[in-house]
Amino acid sequence: MERIVVNNIPIEVEYKKIKNIHLSVYPPNGRVHISAPETMKPDSVRLYAISKLSWISKQKEKVLQQERQTPREYVSGENHYFKGQRYRLKVIYHKDVPKVGLGGKKFINLYVREDSTVVKRAEVLKEWYRKELRETISPLVEKWTQILQVSPKHWEIKQMKTRWGSCNTRTKRLLFNLELAKKPTHCIEYIVVHELAHLIERQHNERYISILNTHLPQWEVYRDELNEFIV
């Protein structure tokens, strides 16, 4: 991994066995990453980055705005996302066990005690996201385990800051970011396929890309949508 600076913007450059150059801007802090073919010269990579400065700046601005919106008060009227759709939070006071449920296509209903703290409300909503994401991922893991003919030992959901998922090829253990609960289902499926494919090929090389191209031809579209999706 190399690092260049263009117009005061630090950019990670990773050379891989791929045919085309690819540029990404990742949340939560607008990290810029270029994947370039091994045969591409550093000067050409720099010129490519310069030609994309306008796009990079716009994407970084989107990501940083997302980061500024992150602090929540968990009060009625706030925007929250679920499976790629925007919902309004509706806080409903009751004395029973805290819970969350959808109120049609417009609201996420958060049932809590009137004296509940912000921390408690966040915890209740987070656990609902975890449950819903598990129900979404479980059949996808089963589906793609059979298609790819791989055998993961264990998978779980974890709050992660810089990755949507990870795969330990030695232990065959998969991790999925809790934030995926807010993303469109096809983006979640892409991450499932992405991580399971590492059980066939550890590196992001030509063989790995070929696996994705064969089984999920739209994977690059889904990847870009996932990384550009603001919540």
Foldseek 3Di string as FASTA:
>chain_A
DDWDADPNAIEAEAEAQDDAKDWAFFDQQRHIYIYHHPPDDPVVVNVVCVVCVVVSVVLNVLNPVLVVLPDDQQAFQDWDFFQQAIATEHEDEDDDDWAWDDDPRHYIYTYYHPPDGSVRSVVRVLVVLQVVVCVLVVVLLVVVCVVVVHDQPEEGEDADGTDQKAADLVNSYIYGHSVCRRHHSVLVSLVSNLHRLCVVPVDPHPVSVVSCCVPPVCSVVSVRCVRRRRD
